[in-house]
Structures are given as structure tokens and as C-alpha cells.
Amino acid sequence: MSLNKTVTLKYEIKFLDYWHLSSGLSAGAKLDSSVVKDDSGIAFVPGKTLKGMAREMAEYFEDEAFVKSCFGIEGQDMGLCYFTNGTISSQAHKQIVSNKLQENLYDELASTKIDENGMAVDNSLREIEVVVPLTLYGEVRDVPDRDKNLMKQSLEMIKRMGLNRNRGLGRCTITVEEA
């Protein structure tokens, strides 16, 4: 077996609740933060975001060689592994777009800061766009064969993703299999 053999891992992200991966943009006066969407208006998980979360989990294994080879060294090397964006299935995408159902994928959540007396703080109302629970799919390419099990474990350790993870948003399960 060659030491340079690589594999592709397919992943499935099943969101169990509303989730929000920010686009960094607001929606004018209505929303303080909108979600990242493709050109058709469908939310997705950027591969870069998933790579960062997987790296965070991978660091728990304390296997420096795995982290360096797969995720690289910040500012020097990108690492060998390439994470595609997590997207809905192509069939679901086609159905949603052809029937113009994009707006049904989103909701809005409002929150406000409460002071020590239980009163709302002036000018603290915030509204964010959230995505309904969806299942997304993607791949991690060029995973060194020797690291595939650690990569699988790293991805499957991710249990929350996106904004307000500590307040219940973004609960998910990730399953991984070799392509």
C-alpha cells in the first residue's frame, strides 16, 4: 500500500434545529444578520467553515502530524484535505428553485438584552435570519489514507454549528463514509 494514497470521504450534515451560518451581511432595517446562500438563494455550509470546525475537533486527538497534513499551518500551508461546501441534494435544489420555494427555508428570530432588573435594554433588539432543519451533503477530498479514521471522528464530533450554538441553534449530526 502506498504511503501517498488518498481517499474521499462523503459527509452528511443533518440539522436538528434552526441554524445560522452568517453571510456577514445584514438585510437592511429588517435583519441584523442573514445566512450565507448560493446564487439561487439556498443556504449552504461553506467548506471553509466545516474545515475550521473539523480542525478544532482534530486538535483534541493531539496528533500533530494529522492536523498539519490535513489542515495545514495557519498562514503557511493550507493542508492536503479539501472540503467542499455542504449543500442540499441536487434534486431538492432543483425542486425548490423551479417551484420558487426558497423563502420557505427561512425564518426570523428576535432577541433582546435583559438588564439585571429583568427589563429590556434600549436599542438591544436583534433579529437574525435562520434556516429550517435541512440535510446537507459534501465531500472531504485528498484525505491521506492513514488519516481517514481520524478525519471521520473529527467530523462526527461536531454537534453544533453556526451562530448561537450555546443557545440551542445549529444542533446537528454528521455522518461520514468513504466514497
N, C-alpha and C. Protein backbone atom coordinates (compact mmCIF):
# COMPACT_ATOMS: atom_id res chain seq x y z
N MET A 1 0.85 -1.19 0.00
CA MET A 1 0.00 0.00 0.00
C MET A 1 0.88 1.23 0.00
N SER A 2 0.59 2.16 -0.87
CA SER A 2 1.37 3.39 -1.00
C SER A 2 1.11 4.32 0.18
N LEU A 3 2.17 4.98 0.64
CA LEU A 3 2.03 5.93 1.74
C LEU A 3 1.32 7.20 1.29
N ASN A 4 1.28 7.43 -0.03
CA ASN A 4 0.68 8.66 -0.55
C ASN A 4 -0.76 8.49 -1.00
N LYS A 5 -1.36 7.33 -0.74
CA LYS A 5 -2.73 7.09 -1.16
C LYS A 5 -3.68 8.02 -0.41
N THR A 6 -4.63 8.59 -1.15
CA THR A 6 -5.64 9.44 -0.52
C THR A 6 -7.02 8.89 -0.82
N VAL A 7 -7.98 9.29 0.01
CA VAL A 7 -9.36 8.86 -0.17
C VAL A 7 -10.27 10.09 -0.13
N THR A 8 -11.47 9.90 -0.60
CA THR A 8 -12.51 10.92 -0.50
C THR A 8 -13.55 10.42 0.49
N LEU A 9 -13.91 11.27 1.42
CA LEU A 9 -14.95 10.96 2.40
C LEU A 9 -16.19 11.77 2.08
N LYS A 10 -17.34 11.12 2.08
CA LYS A 10 -18.61 11.82 1.87
C LYS A 10 -19.22 12.08 3.25
N TYR A 11 -19.72 13.29 3.43
CA TYR A 11 -20.36 13.60 4.71
C TYR A 11 -21.81 14.04 4.50
N GLU A 12 -22.60 13.82 5.55
CA GLU A 12 -23.98 14.25 5.60
C GLU A 12 -24.16 15.03 6.89
N ILE A 13 -24.62 16.26 6.78
CA ILE A 13 -24.92 17.08 7.95
C ILE A 13 -26.44 17.14 8.08
N LYS A 14 -26.94 16.62 9.17
CA LYS A 14 -28.39 16.66 9.41
C LYS A 14 -28.63 17.66 10.54
N PHE A 15 -29.19 18.82 10.18
CA PHE A 15 -29.51 19.83 11.19
C PHE A 15 -30.80 19.43 11.89
N LEU A 16 -30.79 19.52 13.21
CA LEU A 16 -31.94 19.11 14.03
C LEU A 16 -32.79 20.29 14.46
N ASP A 17 -32.28 21.50 14.31
CA ASP A 17 -32.95 22.73 14.72
C ASP A 17 -32.64 23.82 13.69
N TYR A 18 -33.22 24.99 13.94
CA TYR A 18 -32.81 26.16 13.16
C TYR A 18 -31.30 26.32 13.23
N TRP A 19 -30.71 26.88 12.17
CA TRP A 19 -29.27 27.14 12.16
C TRP A 19 -28.98 28.42 11.40
N HIS A 20 -27.82 29.00 11.69
CA HIS A 20 -27.43 30.28 11.09
C HIS A 20 -25.92 30.29 10.89
N LEU A 21 -25.51 30.26 9.64
CA LEU A 21 -24.11 30.49 9.29
C LEU A 21 -24.11 31.82 8.55
N SER A 22 -23.50 32.81 9.15
CA SER A 22 -23.64 34.20 8.70
C SER A 22 -22.94 34.48 7.39
N SER A 23 -23.61 35.29 6.60
CA SER A 23 -23.02 35.78 5.35
C SER A 23 -22.15 37.00 5.62
N GLY A 24 -22.30 37.57 6.83
CA GLY A 24 -21.60 38.80 7.16
C GLY A 24 -22.36 40.03 6.70
N LEU A 25 -23.54 39.82 6.16
CA LEU A 25 -24.36 40.92 5.65
C LEU A 25 -25.62 41.07 6.48
N SER A 26 -26.13 42.29 6.51
CA SER A 26 -27.44 42.50 7.13
C SER A 26 -28.45 42.60 6.00
N ALA A 27 -29.70 42.60 6.37
CA ALA A 27 -30.76 42.75 5.37
C ALA A 27 -31.47 44.07 5.62
N GLY A 28 -30.70 45.15 5.68
CA GLY A 28 -31.26 46.47 5.89
C GLY A 28 -31.83 46.64 7.28
N ALA A 29 -32.95 47.31 7.36
CA ALA A 29 -33.56 47.60 8.65
C ALA A 29 -34.24 46.37 9.26
N LYS A 30 -34.53 45.38 8.46
CA LYS A 30 -35.29 44.22 8.92
C LYS A 30 -34.45 43.23 9.71
N LEU A 31 -33.30 42.80 9.18
CA LEU A 31 -32.48 41.77 9.81
C LEU A 31 -31.08 42.28 10.10
N ASP A 32 -30.56 41.90 11.26
CA ASP A 32 -29.19 42.27 11.61
C ASP A 32 -28.17 41.33 10.99
N SER A 33 -28.59 40.11 10.66
CA SER A 33 -27.67 39.14 10.09
C SER A 33 -28.43 38.13 9.23
N SER A 34 -27.98 37.96 8.00
CA SER A 34 -28.59 36.97 7.11
C SER A 34 -27.63 35.79 6.94
N VAL A 35 -28.16 34.67 6.44
CA VAL A 35 -27.35 33.47 6.27
C VAL A 35 -26.68 33.45 4.90
N VAL A 36 -25.62 32.66 4.81
CA VAL A 36 -24.91 32.52 3.55
C VAL A 36 -25.76 31.66 2.61
N LYS A 37 -25.90 32.14 1.35
CA LYS A 37 -26.75 31.47 0.36
C LYS A 37 -26.03 31.40 -0.97
N ASP A 38 -26.40 30.40 -1.78
CA ASP A 38 -25.84 30.30 -3.12
C ASP A 38 -26.57 31.29 -4.04
N ASP A 39 -26.22 31.28 -5.31
CA ASP A 39 -26.82 32.21 -6.28
C ASP A 39 -28.32 32.01 -6.46
N SER A 40 -28.82 30.83 -6.09
CA SER A 40 -30.25 30.54 -6.20
C SER A 40 -31.02 30.88 -4.94
N GLY A 41 -30.33 31.37 -3.91
CA GLY A 41 -30.99 31.72 -2.66
C GLY A 41 -31.16 30.55 -1.70
N ILE A 42 -30.33 29.51 -1.84
CA ILE A 42 -30.40 28.33 -0.97
C ILE A 42 -29.21 28.35 -0.02
N ALA A 43 -29.47 28.18 1.28
CA ALA A 43 -28.42 28.17 2.30
C ALA A 43 -27.50 26.97 2.12
N PHE A 44 -26.24 27.15 2.51
CA PHE A 44 -25.26 26.06 2.47
C PHE A 44 -24.25 26.25 3.59
N VAL A 45 -23.45 25.22 3.83
CA VAL A 45 -22.36 25.30 4.80
C VAL A 45 -21.07 25.44 4.01
N PRO A 46 -20.37 26.57 4.13
CA PRO A 46 -19.11 26.73 3.40
C PRO A 46 -18.09 25.67 3.83
N GLY A 47 -17.38 25.12 2.86
CA GLY A 47 -16.35 24.14 3.16
C GLY A 47 -15.32 24.67 4.14
N LYS A 48 -14.99 25.95 4.01
CA LYS A 48 -14.02 26.58 4.90
C LYS A 48 -14.48 26.55 6.36
N THR A 49 -15.77 26.77 6.58
CA THR A 49 -16.33 26.72 7.93
C THR A 49 -16.24 25.32 8.50
N LEU A 50 -16.62 24.34 7.70
CA LEU A 50 -16.57 22.95 8.16
C LEU A 50 -15.13 22.52 8.44
N LYS A 51 -14.20 22.95 7.60
CA LYS A 51 -12.79 22.62 7.80
C LYS A 51 -12.30 23.18 9.14
N GLY A 52 -12.66 24.41 9.45
CA GLY A 52 -12.25 25.03 10.71
C GLY A 52 -12.82 24.30 11.91
N MET A 53 -14.07 23.88 11.82
CA MET A 53 -14.69 23.15 12.93
C MET A 53 -14.07 21.76 13.07
N ALA A 54 -13.81 21.10 11.95
CA ALA A 54 -13.18 19.78 12.00
C ALA A 54 -11.77 19.88 12.57
N ARG A 55 -11.06 20.94 12.21
CA ARG A 55 -9.71 21.13 12.76
C ARG A 55 -9.77 21.28 14.28
N GLU A 56 -10.73 22.06 14.76
CA GLU A 56 -10.88 22.26 16.20
C GLU A 56 -11.09 20.91 16.89
N MET A 57 -11.91 20.05 16.32
CA MET A 57 -12.14 18.72 16.90
C MET A 57 -10.88 17.85 16.77
N ALA A 58 -10.19 17.95 15.63
CA ALA A 58 -8.99 17.14 15.39
C ALA A 58 -7.89 17.44 16.41
N GLU A 59 -7.84 18.66 16.88
CA GLU A 59 -6.80 19.04 17.84
C GLU A 59 -6.97 18.32 19.18
N TYR A 60 -8.16 17.80 19.46
CA TYR A 60 -8.36 17.01 20.68
C TYR A 60 -7.58 15.70 20.65
N PHE A 61 -7.29 15.20 19.45
CA PHE A 61 -6.57 13.93 19.33
C PHE A 61 -5.08 14.07 19.64
N GLU A 62 -4.60 15.30 19.68
CA GLU A 62 -3.18 15.57 19.94
C GLU A 62 -2.26 14.80 19.00
N ASP A 63 -2.67 14.72 17.74
CA ASP A 63 -1.87 14.08 16.70
C ASP A 63 -1.43 15.20 15.75
N GLU A 64 -0.28 15.80 16.06
CA GLU A 64 0.19 16.96 15.32
C GLU A 64 0.40 16.66 13.84
N ALA A 65 0.86 15.45 13.52
CA ALA A 65 1.08 15.09 12.11
C ALA A 65 -0.24 15.09 11.33
N PHE A 66 -1.29 14.56 11.95
CA PHE A 66 -2.61 14.55 11.32
C PHE A 66 -3.10 15.98 11.07
N VAL A 67 -3.03 16.82 12.10
CA VAL A 67 -3.51 18.19 11.98
C VAL A 67 -2.73 18.94 10.92
N LYS A 68 -1.40 18.81 10.93
CA LYS A 68 -0.57 19.52 9.93
C LYS A 68 -0.85 19.04 8.52
N SER A 69 -0.92 17.72 8.33
CA SER A 69 -1.08 17.21 6.96
C SER A 69 -2.46 17.52 6.40
N CYS A 70 -3.49 17.37 7.21
CA CYS A 70 -4.85 17.57 6.71
C CYS A 70 -5.31 19.03 6.70
N PHE A 71 -4.92 19.78 7.73
CA PHE A 71 -5.45 21.14 7.88
C PHE A 71 -4.42 22.23 7.65
N GLY A 72 -3.13 21.87 7.61
CA GLY A 72 -2.08 22.83 7.34
C GLY A 72 -1.65 23.62 8.55
N ILE A 73 -0.83 24.62 8.27
CA ILE A 73 -0.31 25.52 9.29
C ILE A 73 -0.77 26.92 8.92
N GLU A 74 -1.44 27.58 9.84
CA GLU A 74 -2.04 28.88 9.56
C GLU A 74 -1.01 29.85 8.98
N GLY A 75 -1.37 30.46 7.86
CA GLY A 75 -0.53 31.45 7.21
C GLY A 75 0.61 30.88 6.38
N GLN A 76 0.79 29.55 6.41
CA GLN A 76 1.89 28.94 5.67
C GLN A 76 1.43 27.89 4.67
N ASP A 77 0.52 27.02 5.09
CA ASP A 77 0.16 25.86 4.29
C ASP A 77 -1.32 25.55 4.51
N MET A 78 -2.05 25.28 3.43
CA MET A 78 -3.49 25.00 3.53
C MET A 78 -3.79 23.57 3.95
N GLY A 79 -2.82 22.69 3.92
CA GLY A 79 -3.09 21.28 4.22
C GLY A 79 -3.55 20.56 2.98
N LEU A 80 -3.55 19.24 3.05
CA LEU A 80 -3.88 18.41 1.90
C LEU A 80 -5.37 18.28 1.64
N CYS A 81 -6.18 18.31 2.68
CA CYS A 81 -7.60 18.00 2.55
C CYS A 81 -8.40 19.18 2.02
N TYR A 82 -9.29 18.87 1.10
CA TYR A 82 -10.16 19.88 0.51
C TYR A 82 -11.60 19.58 0.91
N PHE A 83 -12.27 20.54 1.53
CA PHE A 83 -13.65 20.41 1.99
C PHE A 83 -14.57 21.12 1.01
N THR A 84 -15.49 20.37 0.41
CA THR A 84 -16.48 21.01 -0.46
C THR A 84 -17.56 21.66 0.42
N ASN A 85 -18.33 22.55 -0.15
CA ASN A 85 -19.46 23.13 0.57
C ASN A 85 -20.50 22.05 0.85
N GLY A 86 -21.16 22.15 1.98
CA GLY A 86 -22.29 21.27 2.29
C GLY A 86 -23.54 21.86 1.67
N THR A 87 -24.18 21.12 0.78
CA THR A 87 -25.35 21.61 0.05
C THR A 87 -26.48 20.59 0.12
N ILE A 88 -27.70 21.06 -0.14
CA ILE A 88 -28.82 20.13 -0.23
C ILE A 88 -28.63 19.28 -1.48
N SER A 89 -29.34 18.20 -1.58
CA SER A 89 -29.21 17.33 -2.76
C SER A 89 -29.57 18.10 -4.02
N SER A 90 -29.01 17.71 -5.13
CA SER A 90 -29.27 18.42 -6.39
C SER A 90 -30.75 18.31 -6.77
N GLN A 91 -31.38 17.18 -6.47
CA GLN A 91 -32.80 17.01 -6.77
C GLN A 91 -33.64 17.98 -5.95
N ALA A 92 -33.37 18.09 -4.64
CA ALA A 92 -34.12 19.01 -3.79
C ALA A 92 -33.87 20.45 -4.24
N HIS A 93 -32.64 20.77 -4.57
CA HIS A 93 -32.29 22.12 -5.04
C HIS A 93 -33.12 22.48 -6.26
N LYS A 94 -33.16 21.55 -7.21
CA LYS A 94 -33.89 21.78 -8.46
C LYS A 94 -35.38 21.99 -8.18
N GLN A 95 -35.96 21.18 -7.30
CA GLN A 95 -37.38 21.30 -6.96
C GLN A 95 -37.69 22.63 -6.29
N ILE A 96 -36.85 23.03 -5.35
CA ILE A 96 -37.07 24.28 -4.61
C ILE A 96 -36.98 25.47 -5.55
N VAL A 97 -35.95 25.49 -6.40
CA VAL A 97 -35.76 26.61 -7.32
C VAL A 97 -36.86 26.66 -8.37
N SER A 98 -37.19 25.51 -8.97
CA SER A 98 -38.20 25.52 -10.04
C SER A 98 -39.59 25.90 -9.52
N ASN A 99 -39.86 25.62 -8.25
CA ASN A 99 -41.15 25.98 -7.67
C ASN A 99 -41.10 27.27 -6.85
N LYS A 100 -39.96 27.94 -6.90
CA LYS A 100 -39.76 29.22 -6.19
C LYS A 100 -40.13 29.12 -4.71
N LEU A 101 -39.56 28.13 -4.04
CA LEU A 101 -39.89 27.86 -2.64
C LEU A 101 -38.80 28.32 -1.67
N GLN A 102 -37.80 29.06 -2.15
CA GLN A 102 -36.67 29.45 -1.31
C GLN A 102 -37.09 30.13 -0.01
N GLU A 103 -38.09 31.02 -0.07
CA GLU A 103 -38.48 31.77 1.13
C GLU A 103 -39.00 30.85 2.24
N ASN A 104 -39.43 29.63 1.88
CA ASN A 104 -39.93 28.69 2.88
C ASN A 104 -38.81 28.03 3.69
N LEU A 105 -37.58 28.25 3.29
CA LEU A 105 -36.43 27.66 4.00
C LEU A 105 -35.98 28.50 5.19
N TYR A 106 -36.55 29.69 5.35
CA TYR A 106 -36.02 30.65 6.32
C TYR A 106 -37.10 31.14 7.29
N ASP A 107 -36.62 31.53 8.45
CA ASP A 107 -37.47 32.14 9.46
C ASP A 107 -36.65 33.25 10.10
N GLU A 108 -37.25 33.99 11.00
CA GLU A 108 -36.54 35.06 11.70
C GLU A 108 -36.68 34.86 13.19
N LEU A 109 -35.58 35.08 13.91
CA LEU A 109 -35.59 35.01 15.37
C LEU A 109 -35.17 36.36 15.92
N ALA A 110 -35.90 36.81 16.93
CA ALA A 110 -35.57 38.08 17.58
C ALA A 110 -35.10 37.81 18.99
N SER A 111 -34.17 38.64 19.45
CA SER A 111 -33.70 38.55 20.83
C SER A 111 -33.36 39.96 21.31
N THR A 112 -33.37 40.12 22.60
CA THR A 112 -33.01 41.41 23.18
C THR A 112 -32.23 41.17 24.46
N LYS A 113 -31.41 42.11 24.82
CA LYS A 113 -30.63 42.02 26.05
C LYS A 113 -31.50 42.44 27.23
N ILE A 114 -31.41 41.67 28.30
CA ILE A 114 -32.18 41.95 29.52
C ILE A 114 -31.22 42.41 30.61
N ASP A 115 -31.56 43.52 31.28
CA ASP A 115 -30.68 44.02 32.34
C ASP A 115 -30.91 43.27 33.65
N GLU A 116 -30.18 43.66 34.69
CA GLU A 116 -30.25 42.96 35.98
C GLU A 116 -31.62 43.07 36.65
N ASN A 117 -32.45 44.03 36.22
CA ASN A 117 -33.80 44.18 36.77
C ASN A 117 -34.86 43.46 35.95
N GLY A 118 -34.42 42.72 34.92
CA GLY A 118 -35.35 41.99 34.09
C GLY A 118 -36.02 42.84 33.02
N MET A 119 -35.45 44.02 32.76
CA MET A 119 -36.01 44.93 31.76
C MET A 119 -35.17 44.86 30.48
N ALA A 120 -35.85 45.04 29.34
CA ALA A 120 -35.15 45.07 28.06
C ALA A 120 -34.27 46.31 27.99
N VAL A 121 -33.03 46.12 27.55
CA VAL A 121 -32.11 47.24 27.37
C VAL A 121 -32.47 47.97 26.08
N ASP A 122 -32.52 49.31 26.15
CA ASP A 122 -32.85 50.11 24.97
C ASP A 122 -31.91 49.78 23.81
N ASN A 123 -32.46 49.75 22.60
CA ASN A 123 -31.71 49.54 21.35
C ASN A 123 -30.96 48.21 21.31
N SER A 124 -31.45 47.20 22.02
CA SER A 124 -30.75 45.91 22.02
C SER A 124 -31.49 44.83 21.23
N LEU A 125 -32.61 45.17 20.62
CA LEU A 125 -33.36 44.19 19.84
C LEU A 125 -32.55 43.81 18.59
N ARG A 126 -32.37 42.50 18.40
CA ARG A 126 -31.64 41.99 17.23
C ARG A 126 -32.49 40.91 16.58
N GLU A 127 -32.52 40.92 15.25
CA GLU A 127 -33.23 39.89 14.51
C GLU A 127 -32.26 39.24 13.55
N ILE A 128 -32.27 37.91 13.54
CA ILE A 128 -31.41 37.17 12.62
C ILE A 128 -32.26 36.24 11.77
N GLU A 129 -31.76 35.98 10.59
CA GLU A 129 -32.38 35.01 9.70
C GLU A 129 -31.84 33.63 10.08
N VAL A 130 -32.72 32.65 10.15
CA VAL A 130 -32.31 31.28 10.43
C VAL A 130 -32.85 30.35 9.35
N VAL A 131 -32.21 29.20 9.22
CA VAL A 131 -32.61 28.21 8.22
C VAL A 131 -33.35 27.08 8.95
N VAL A 132 -34.41 26.58 8.34
CA VAL A 132 -35.13 25.45 8.91
C VAL A 132 -34.21 24.22 8.87
N PRO A 133 -34.50 23.20 9.67
CA PRO A 133 -33.66 22.00 9.64
C PRO A 133 -33.61 21.39 8.22
N LEU A 134 -32.41 21.13 7.77
CA LEU A 134 -32.17 20.54 6.44
C LEU A 134 -31.09 19.48 6.57
N THR A 135 -30.95 18.67 5.54
CA THR A 135 -29.84 17.74 5.44
C THR A 135 -28.98 18.18 4.26
N LEU A 136 -27.69 18.33 4.52
CA LEU A 136 -26.74 18.79 3.51
C LEU A 136 -25.68 17.72 3.26
N TYR A 137 -25.08 17.77 2.08
CA TYR A 137 -24.11 16.75 1.68
C TYR A 137 -22.87 17.41 1.10
N GLY A 138 -21.74 16.76 1.29
CA GLY A 138 -20.49 17.24 0.71
C GLY A 138 -19.41 16.20 0.81
N GLU A 139 -18.19 16.61 0.48
CA GLU A 139 -17.05 15.69 0.48
C GLU A 139 -15.83 16.35 1.11
N VAL A 140 -14.97 15.49 1.62
CA VAL A 140 -13.63 15.90 2.00
C VAL A 140 -12.71 15.09 1.09
N ARG A 141 -12.00 15.79 0.22
CA ARG A 141 -11.15 15.14 -0.78
C ARG A 141 -9.69 15.15 -0.35
N ASP A 142 -8.95 14.23 -0.90
CA ASP A 142 -7.50 14.14 -0.70
C ASP A 142 -7.11 13.90 0.75
N VAL A 143 -7.90 13.08 1.46
CA VAL A 143 -7.58 12.72 2.84
C VAL A 143 -6.54 11.60 2.79
N PRO A 144 -5.37 11.78 3.40
CA PRO A 144 -4.40 10.68 3.42
C PRO A 144 -5.05 9.44 4.02
N ASP A 145 -4.86 8.30 3.37
CA ASP A 145 -5.48 7.06 3.81
C ASP A 145 -5.23 6.78 5.29
N ARG A 146 -4.03 7.07 5.73
CA ARG A 146 -3.68 6.81 7.14
C ARG A 146 -4.48 7.69 8.10
N ASP A 147 -5.05 8.81 7.60
CA ASP A 147 -5.78 9.77 8.45
C ASP A 147 -7.29 9.69 8.32
N LYS A 148 -7.80 8.79 7.49
CA LYS A 148 -9.25 8.79 7.21
C LYS A 148 -10.08 8.55 8.47
N ASN A 149 -9.63 7.68 9.36
CA ASN A 149 -10.42 7.41 10.57
C ASN A 149 -10.44 8.60 11.51
N LEU A 150 -9.30 9.28 11.65
CA LEU A 150 -9.25 10.48 12.49
C LEU A 150 -10.11 11.60 11.90
N MET A 151 -10.09 11.72 10.57
CA MET A 151 -10.92 12.74 9.92
C MET A 151 -12.40 12.42 10.15
N LYS A 152 -12.77 11.17 9.99
CA LYS A 152 -14.15 10.75 10.20
C LYS A 152 -14.57 11.07 11.64
N GLN A 153 -13.75 10.73 12.59
CA GLN A 153 -14.06 11.01 14.00
C GLN A 153 -14.15 12.51 14.26
N SER A 154 -13.25 13.28 13.67
CA SER A 154 -13.26 14.74 13.86
C SER A 154 -14.57 15.35 13.38
N LEU A 155 -15.02 14.93 12.21
CA LEU A 155 -16.27 15.45 11.68
C LEU A 155 -17.46 15.02 12.52
N GLU A 156 -17.47 13.77 12.93
CA GLU A 156 -18.61 13.26 13.69
C GLU A 156 -18.68 13.82 15.10
N MET A 157 -17.60 14.42 15.58
CA MET A 157 -17.60 15.06 16.91
C MET A 157 -18.33 16.41 16.89
N ILE A 158 -18.52 16.99 15.72
CA ILE A 158 -19.20 18.29 15.62
C ILE A 158 -20.68 18.08 15.91
N LYS A 159 -21.17 18.76 16.93
CA LYS A 159 -22.57 18.59 17.35
C LYS A 159 -23.40 19.87 17.22
N ARG A 160 -22.72 21.00 17.01
CA ARG A 160 -23.41 22.28 16.83
C ARG A 160 -22.61 23.10 15.82
N MET A 161 -23.32 23.91 15.05
CA MET A 161 -22.65 24.68 14.03
C MET A 161 -23.31 26.04 13.87
N GLY A 162 -22.51 27.09 13.75
CA GLY A 162 -23.03 28.41 13.44
C GLY A 162 -23.24 29.30 14.65
N LEU A 163 -23.99 30.37 14.43
CA LEU A 163 -24.27 31.39 15.43
C LEU A 163 -25.18 30.84 16.54
N ASN A 164 -24.96 31.34 17.75
CA ASN A 164 -25.78 30.99 18.92
C ASN A 164 -25.82 29.49 19.21
N ARG A 165 -24.69 28.81 18.98
CA ARG A 165 -24.61 27.38 19.27
C ARG A 165 -24.90 27.08 20.74
N ASN A 166 -24.49 28.00 21.62
CA ASN A 166 -24.70 27.77 23.05
C ASN A 166 -26.12 28.13 23.49
N ARG A 167 -26.93 28.62 22.57
CA ARG A 167 -28.32 28.97 22.89
C ARG A 167 -29.30 28.10 22.13
N GLY A 168 -28.83 26.96 21.62
CA GLY A 168 -29.73 25.99 21.02
C GLY A 168 -29.78 25.96 19.51
N LEU A 169 -29.18 26.92 18.83
CA LEU A 169 -29.21 26.89 17.37
C LEU A 169 -28.13 25.95 16.83
N GLY A 170 -28.37 25.43 15.64
CA GLY A 170 -27.33 24.69 14.92
C GLY A 170 -27.04 23.29 15.40
N ARG A 171 -27.93 22.67 16.20
CA ARG A 171 -27.67 21.28 16.60
C ARG A 171 -27.69 20.41 15.36
N CYS A 172 -26.70 19.53 15.26
CA CYS A 172 -26.59 18.70 14.07
C CYS A 172 -25.91 17.36 14.38
N THR A 173 -26.08 16.44 13.47
CA THR A 173 -25.32 15.20 13.49
C THR A 173 -24.64 15.09 12.13
N ILE A 174 -23.41 14.61 12.16
CA ILE A 174 -22.66 14.43 10.92
C ILE A 174 -22.28 12.96 10.81
N THR A 175 -22.60 12.38 9.67
CA THR A 175 -22.17 11.01 9.40
C THR A 175 -21.22 11.04 8.21
N VAL A 176 -20.27 10.13 8.24
CA VAL A 176 -19.21 10.13 7.22
C VAL A 176 -19.01 8.70 6.72
N GLU A 177 -18.81 8.59 5.42
CA GLU A 177 -18.46 7.29 4.84
C GLU A 177 -17.45 7.51 3.71
N GLU A 178 -16.70 6.48 3.44
CA GLU A 178 -15.71 6.57 2.36
C GLU A 178 -16.45 6.51 1.02
N ALA A 179 -16.03 7.36 0.09
CA ALA A 179 -16.68 7.42 -1.22
C ALA A 179 -16.35 6.18 -2.02
